[in-house]
Amino acid sequence: MNRSPHIITIARKEVKDASRNSLFLTLAFFLLALTGISILVASFAFQSQVAQYHAALSQLSPAQLQSIVLTQPAYYPLQMLRGTVEYLEIIGAVIALVLGYLSIAKEKGNNTSRLLLTRPVTRNELMGGKLLGASVMLGTLVLGIGLFTVVAISGIGHVGFTTSELIKLGLVLLYTFGYLLFFFCFSAALALFISDLPRALMLAFSLWLVFVLIIPQIGDTMDPDNQVPGGFFAHMHMTQNGQEAVIGQFKHYENLRNALEVSSVEKHYERLSFATLGIKTMYNDKSLGFIMNDKWPDLLVLLLFLGAGIALSYAGMSNKRIMAASP
């Protein structure tokens, strides 16, 4: 017997409920607005750099131009997405948490979960339907952000994207989708395993606060390269080998700082996205093969987090006692 109609029916219900939720719509609009503002600010900052370059160029005499080397700022459209990635890390995760919590809380609050146990719906179908519904909503959100950024950057910079840049942007959108789907599953799992729904929501946001805001901020603060705008090593004109030599002198300190950062899924998503987009300047103009060869551990950890989130949610939905528990 084909069970896919059950999955599609559940997914449609999830999409319908989410699309009618004012909190989800408000957060999505807020995220889109911040994305536009961040691209605009990045564009103005680049235009300011270009203006400073031309102003300095006009003040130099022909003789000085022969002895002083001025480098014109290079335009990399994907670098304008730094703010977008950071907002997705924070606000996008909140949106996914809210969706995951509401997906389970509504079932528990209306005792729909108990009713489902009396229907010919398997746990696989329930899990599949909820994942499909969440994938549609989160995928639509991520795709909308991606299309908006392409239109906004093309309109502001008046420069089109190359095929390579579009592929890299598409990969980052996939990373983002997986990152958000993890938070959906994580929040849904907490709502399943903790019978007190308000406590489950508070715990979800507390852990989000710790692993998305506090730990990454501590790691960034401990990074000496972040103590100077634009990077300490960049201002010192140090090569990659020179940077590694300096960091090697503080091996234990760097190991502690890195251990803090890698405990957060947000940091793996950020490192992977920043490298792919060229926001981390050492990856500018590098091939995808080069980037993936260097960043595959971050991709692997991101996938492991996603797999763990799905497994936890499935474990909760497979347990009849948990599904039948009253909120």
Protein backbone atom coordinates (compact mmCIF):
# COMPACT_ATOMS: atom_id res chain seq x y z
CA MET A 1 0.00 0.00 0.00
CA ASN A 2 1.31 3.44 -0.94
CA ARG A 3 1.67 5.50 2.23
CA SER A 4 2.91 8.71 0.55
CA PRO A 5 -0.56 10.40 0.64
CA HIS A 6 -0.33 10.39 4.46
CA ILE A 7 3.07 12.09 4.33
CA ILE A 8 1.83 14.71 1.86
CA THR A 9 -1.31 15.36 3.93
CA ILE A 10 0.76 15.92 7.08
CA ALA A 11 3.22 18.12 5.17
CA ARG A 12 0.38 20.25 3.80
CA LYS A 13 -0.97 20.72 7.31
CA GLU A 14 2.47 21.79 8.54
CA VAL A 15 2.85 24.31 5.72
CA LYS A 16 -0.67 25.64 6.26
CA ASP A 17 -0.14 26.09 10.00
CA ALA A 18 3.25 27.78 9.56
CA SER A 19 2.05 30.12 6.80
CA ARG A 20 -0.75 31.32 9.07
CA ASN A 21 1.50 31.90 12.07
CA SER A 22 2.06 35.61 12.59
CA LEU A 23 5.31 35.10 14.53
CA PHE A 24 6.88 33.11 11.71
CA LEU A 25 5.79 35.65 9.10
CA THR A 26 7.05 38.57 11.20
CA LEU A 27 10.46 36.98 11.77
CA ALA A 28 10.76 36.06 8.08
CA PHE A 29 9.99 39.63 7.02
CA PHE A 30 12.42 40.96 9.63
CA LEU A 31 15.15 38.66 8.30
CA LEU A 32 14.50 39.78 4.73
CA ALA A 33 14.62 43.46 5.75
CA LEU A 34 17.90 43.00 7.60
CA THR A 35 19.35 41.18 4.60
CA GLY A 36 18.55 44.15 2.37
CA ILE A 37 20.03 46.61 4.88
CA SER A 38 23.22 44.57 5.28
CA ILE A 39 23.75 44.45 1.49
CA LEU A 40 23.13 48.19 1.22
CA VAL A 41 25.61 48.95 4.01
CA ALA A 42 28.23 46.66 2.46
CA SER A 43 27.73 48.37 -0.89
CA PHE A 44 28.18 51.84 0.62
CA ALA A 45 31.31 50.66 2.43
CA PHE A 46 32.81 49.38 -0.84
CA GLN A 47 31.88 52.58 -2.69
CA SER A 48 33.58 54.55 0.09
CA GLN A 49 36.76 52.51 -0.36
CA VAL A 50 36.70 53.18 -4.12
CA ALA A 51 36.15 56.91 -3.51
CA GLN A 52 39.10 57.01 -1.10
CA TYR A 53 41.25 55.23 -3.67
CA HIS A 54 40.41 57.74 -6.43
CA ALA A 55 40.86 60.68 -4.03
CA ALA A 56 44.33 59.45 -3.08
CA LEU A 57 45.15 58.82 -6.72
CA SER A 58 44.18 62.36 -7.74
CA GLN A 59 46.41 63.90 -5.06
CA LEU A 60 49.57 62.16 -6.22
CA SER A 61 51.89 63.66 -8.78
CA PRO A 62 53.12 61.57 -11.76
CA ALA A 63 56.49 61.19 -10.03
CA GLN A 64 54.86 59.93 -6.83
CA LEU A 65 52.73 57.47 -8.81
CA GLN A 66 55.90 55.76 -9.98
CA SER A 67 57.17 55.18 -6.44
CA ILE A 68 53.89 54.53 -4.60
CA VAL A 69 51.75 51.53 -5.38
CA LEU A 70 48.01 51.99 -4.84
CA THR A 71 45.78 48.96 -5.13
CA GLN A 72 42.26 49.55 -6.36
CA PRO A 73 39.68 47.80 -4.15
CA ALA A 74 38.54 44.56 -5.81
CA TYR A 75 34.82 43.95 -6.13
CA TYR A 76 33.67 40.54 -4.91
CA PRO A 77 29.85 40.50 -4.82
CA LEU A 78 29.65 37.42 -2.61
CA GLN A 79 31.59 39.21 0.12
CA MET A 80 28.60 41.51 0.56
CA LEU A 81 26.72 38.57 2.06
CA ARG A 82 28.64 38.56 5.34
CA GLY A 83 25.80 40.31 7.15
CA THR A 84 23.25 38.01 5.52
CA VAL A 85 25.06 34.90 6.77
CA GLU A 86 25.32 36.35 10.27
CA TYR A 87 21.61 37.16 10.36
CA LEU A 88 20.75 33.67 9.11
CA GLU A 89 22.93 32.21 11.87
CA ILE A 90 20.95 34.05 14.53
CA ILE A 91 17.48 35.01 13.30
CA GLY A 92 17.21 32.07 10.91
CA ALA A 93 17.93 29.70 13.79
CA VAL A 94 15.21 31.41 15.87
CA ILE A 95 12.70 30.96 13.04
CA ALA A 96 13.57 27.25 12.79
CA LEU A 97 13.30 26.85 16.58
CA VAL A 98 9.86 28.45 16.57
CA LEU A 99 8.68 26.23 13.71
CA GLY A 100 9.95 23.08 15.39
CA TYR A 101 8.34 23.93 18.71
CA LEU A 102 4.99 24.88 17.17
CA SER A 103 4.96 21.71 15.05
CA ILE A 104 4.86 19.59 18.22
CA ALA A 105 3.22 21.98 20.71
CA LYS A 106 0.12 22.35 18.57
CA GLU A 107 -0.28 18.58 18.36
CA LYS A 108 0.17 18.17 22.10
CA GLY A 109 -1.95 21.17 23.04
CA ASN A 110 -4.93 19.96 21.00
CA ASN A 111 -4.30 16.30 21.93
CA THR A 112 -3.92 15.63 18.21
CA SER A 113 -0.91 13.45 18.93
CA ARG A 114 -3.11 11.03 20.90
CA LEU A 115 -5.64 10.98 18.07
CA LEU A 116 -2.87 10.16 15.57
CA LEU A 117 -2.06 7.04 17.57
CA THR A 118 -5.55 5.72 16.77
CA ARG A 119 -5.16 6.35 13.04
CA PRO A 120 -3.41 4.18 10.46
CA VAL A 121 -0.46 6.59 10.39
CA THR A 122 2.98 5.18 11.12
CA ARG A 123 5.71 7.08 12.94
CA ASN A 124 7.72 7.07 9.70
CA GLU A 125 4.87 8.83 7.91
CA LEU A 126 4.44 11.34 10.72
CA MET A 127 8.15 12.11 10.80
CA GLY A 128 8.33 12.24 7.01
CA GLY A 129 5.35 14.58 6.78
CA LYS A 130 6.70 16.97 9.39
CA LEU A 131 10.17 16.99 7.83
CA LEU A 132 8.68 17.57 4.38
CA GLY A 133 6.51 20.42 5.65
CA ALA A 134 9.45 22.01 7.47
CA SER A 135 11.64 21.55 4.39
CA VAL A 136 9.08 23.37 2.24
CA MET A 137 8.84 26.32 4.64
CA LEU A 138 12.55 26.60 5.39
CA GLY A 139 13.50 25.91 1.78
CA THR A 140 11.15 28.64 0.59
CA LEU A 141 12.64 31.05 3.14
CA VAL A 142 16.24 30.23 2.15
CA LEU A 143 15.49 30.33 -1.58
CA GLY A 144 13.68 33.66 -1.15
CA ILE A 145 16.68 35.11 0.67
CA GLY A 146 18.97 33.82 -2.08
CA LEU A 147 16.92 35.31 -4.91
CA PHE A 148 16.59 38.57 -3.03
CA THR A 149 20.36 38.85 -2.52
CA VAL A 150 21.06 38.17 -6.21
CA VAL A 151 18.61 40.87 -7.30
CA ALA A 152 19.78 43.33 -4.63
CA ILE A 153 23.51 42.92 -5.28
CA SER A 154 23.06 43.01 -9.06
CA GLY A 155 20.94 46.16 -8.75
CA ILE A 156 23.27 47.95 -6.35
CA GLY A 157 26.60 46.91 -7.85
CA HIS A 158 25.41 46.85 -11.48
CA VAL A 159 27.60 43.77 -11.97
CA GLY A 160 26.27 40.32 -12.77
CA PHE A 161 27.30 37.09 -11.07
CA THR A 162 29.61 34.62 -12.76
CA THR A 163 28.56 30.98 -13.04
CA SER A 164 31.11 30.04 -10.37
CA GLU A 165 29.73 32.66 -7.97
CA LEU A 166 26.17 31.45 -8.49
CA ILE A 167 27.25 27.86 -7.79
CA LYS A 168 28.99 28.97 -4.59
CA LEU A 169 25.91 30.93 -3.54
CA GLY A 170 23.75 27.88 -4.23
CA LEU A 171 26.00 25.73 -2.02
CA VAL A 172 25.76 28.24 0.83
CA LEU A 173 21.98 28.16 0.52
CA LEU A 174 22.15 24.37 0.91
CA TYR A 175 24.37 24.75 3.98
CA THR A 176 21.85 27.21 5.36
CA PHE A 177 18.94 24.86 4.73
CA GLY A 178 20.70 22.04 6.60
CA TYR A 179 21.64 24.40 9.45
CA LEU A 180 18.05 25.60 9.87
CA LEU A 181 16.59 22.10 9.55
CA PHE A 182 18.81 21.00 12.42
CA PHE A 183 17.32 23.68 14.69
CA PHE A 184 13.82 22.68 13.61
CA CYS A 185 14.49 19.04 14.58
CA PHE A 186 16.29 20.05 17.76
CA SER A 187 13.39 22.19 18.97
CA ALA A 188 10.82 19.56 17.96
CA ALA A 189 12.77 16.89 19.88
CA LEU A 190 12.82 19.00 23.04
CA ALA A 191 9.06 19.59 22.76
CA LEU A 192 8.58 15.85 22.39
CA PHE A 193 10.74 14.69 25.27
CA ILE A 194 9.82 17.44 27.75
CA SER A 195 6.17 17.28 28.73
CA ASP A 196 6.17 20.85 30.08
CA LEU A 197 6.00 22.79 26.80
CA PRO A 198 6.97 26.25 28.18
CA ARG A 199 10.01 24.65 29.80
CA ALA A 200 10.91 22.95 26.52
CA LEU A 201 10.73 26.27 24.70
CA MET A 202 12.82 28.04 27.35
CA LEU A 203 15.43 25.28 27.20
CA ALA A 204 15.54 25.49 23.39
CA PHE A 205 16.20 29.23 23.49
CA SER A 206 18.68 28.89 26.36
CA LEU A 207 20.74 26.38 24.40
CA TRP A 208 20.41 28.56 21.29
CA LEU A 209 21.73 31.50 23.32
CA VAL A 210 24.70 29.50 24.57
CA PHE A 211 25.74 27.77 21.35
CA VAL A 212 24.81 30.44 18.79
CA LEU A 213 25.67 33.66 20.62
CA ILE A 214 27.78 33.15 23.75
CA ILE A 215 30.30 30.43 22.79
CA PRO A 216 31.05 31.80 19.26
CA GLN A 217 31.46 35.29 20.74
CA ILE A 218 33.93 34.00 23.32
CA GLY A 219 35.86 32.23 20.58
CA ASP A 220 35.95 35.36 18.41
CA THR A 221 37.08 37.48 21.36
CA MET A 222 39.90 35.06 22.13
CA ASP A 223 41.11 35.18 18.51
CA PRO A 224 43.97 37.73 18.34
CA ASP A 225 43.37 38.23 14.62
CA ASN A 226 39.94 39.72 15.42
CA GLN A 227 41.29 42.44 17.71
CA VAL A 228 42.04 44.76 14.78
CA PRO A 229 39.37 45.70 12.19
CA GLY A 230 40.17 43.86 8.97
CA GLY A 231 42.40 41.37 10.78
CA PHE A 232 45.65 41.78 12.73
CA PHE A 233 47.61 39.51 10.40
CA ALA A 234 46.35 41.38 7.32
CA HIS A 235 47.53 44.70 8.78
CA MET A 236 50.92 43.15 9.47
CA HIS A 237 51.05 41.87 5.84
CA MET A 238 51.81 38.35 7.06
CA THR A 239 51.63 35.34 4.76
CA GLN A 240 49.61 32.23 5.64
CA ASN A 241 52.81 30.45 6.68
CA GLY A 242 53.73 33.39 8.90
CA GLN A 243 50.31 33.34 10.53
CA GLU A 244 50.60 29.62 11.23
CA ALA A 245 54.07 30.15 12.72
CA VAL A 246 52.78 32.82 15.13
CA ILE A 247 49.74 30.76 16.12
CA GLY A 248 52.01 27.76 16.65
CA GLN A 249 53.75 29.64 19.48
CA PHE A 250 50.44 29.67 21.37
CA LYS A 251 49.37 26.10 20.61
CA HIS A 252 47.57 25.32 23.89
CA TYR A 253 45.74 28.65 23.88
CA GLU A 254 44.66 28.17 20.26
CA ASN A 255 43.51 24.60 20.96
CA LEU A 256 41.31 25.83 23.81
CA ARG A 257 39.86 28.63 21.69
CA ASN A 258 39.19 26.28 18.79
CA ALA A 259 37.61 23.67 21.10
CA LEU A 260 35.09 26.28 22.26
CA GLU A 261 34.21 27.23 18.71
CA VAL A 262 33.84 23.72 17.30
CA SER A 263 31.34 22.82 20.03
CA SER A 264 28.87 25.10 18.24
CA VAL A 265 27.13 24.07 15.02
CA GLU A 266 26.85 27.78 14.22
CA LYS A 267 30.63 28.12 13.97
CA HIS A 268 30.94 25.22 11.52
CA TYR A 269 28.20 26.73 9.37
CA GLU A 270 29.90 30.13 9.49
CA ARG A 271 33.36 28.82 8.63
CA LEU A 272 31.99 26.81 5.72
CA SER A 273 29.90 29.71 4.39
CA PHE A 274 32.60 32.36 4.82
CA ALA A 275 35.11 30.21 2.96
CA THR A 276 32.71 29.38 0.10
CA LEU A 277 31.67 33.01 -0.34
CA GLY A 278 35.24 34.31 -0.12
CA ILE A 279 34.43 36.41 2.95
CA LYS A 280 37.52 34.78 4.40
CA THR A 281 39.84 36.49 1.91
CA MET A 282 42.32 33.62 1.61
CA TYR A 283 39.59 31.70 -0.29
CA ASN A 284 38.94 34.44 -2.86
CA ASP A 285 39.26 33.23 -6.44
CA LYS A 286 39.85 29.68 -5.21
CA SER A 287 38.11 26.73 -6.81
CA LEU A 288 35.39 24.78 -5.06
CA GLY A 289 37.71 21.79 -4.98
CA PHE A 290 40.28 23.79 -3.03
CA ILE A 291 37.65 25.09 -0.59
CA MET A 292 36.05 21.69 -0.02
CA ASN A 293 39.44 20.06 0.48
CA ASP A 294 40.10 22.53 3.28
CA LYS A 295 36.61 22.78 4.78
CA TRP A 296 35.19 19.25 4.50
CA PRO A 297 35.50 18.71 8.30
CA ASP A 298 33.08 21.61 8.88
CA LEU A 299 30.67 20.18 6.30
CA LEU A 300 30.91 16.75 7.93
CA VAL A 301 30.16 18.14 11.41
CA LEU A 302 27.23 20.15 10.05
CA LEU A 303 25.79 16.96 8.53
CA LEU A 304 26.39 15.06 11.78
CA PHE A 305 24.48 17.71 13.75
CA LEU A 306 21.62 17.50 11.24
CA GLY A 307 21.59 13.70 11.43
CA ALA A 308 21.55 13.80 15.24
CA GLY A 309 18.64 16.26 15.21
CA ILE A 310 16.60 14.08 12.86
CA ALA A 311 17.41 10.96 14.91
CA LEU A 312 16.27 12.63 18.16
CA SER A 313 13.00 13.78 16.61
CA TYR A 314 12.37 10.35 15.14
CA ALA A 315 13.08 8.69 18.50
CA GLY A 316 10.47 10.90 20.14
CA MET A 317 7.83 10.25 17.49
CA SER A 318 8.50 6.51 17.59
CA ASN A 319 7.74 6.36 21.31
CA LYS A 320 4.00 5.93 21.94
CA ARG A 321 4.33 6.95 25.58
CA ILE A 322 5.95 10.25 24.62
CA MET A 323 3.45 10.92 21.85
CA ALA A 324 0.52 10.21 24.20
CA ALA A 325 1.87 12.37 27.04
CA SER A 326 -0.23 15.39 27.98
CA PRO A 327 1.41 18.85 27.94
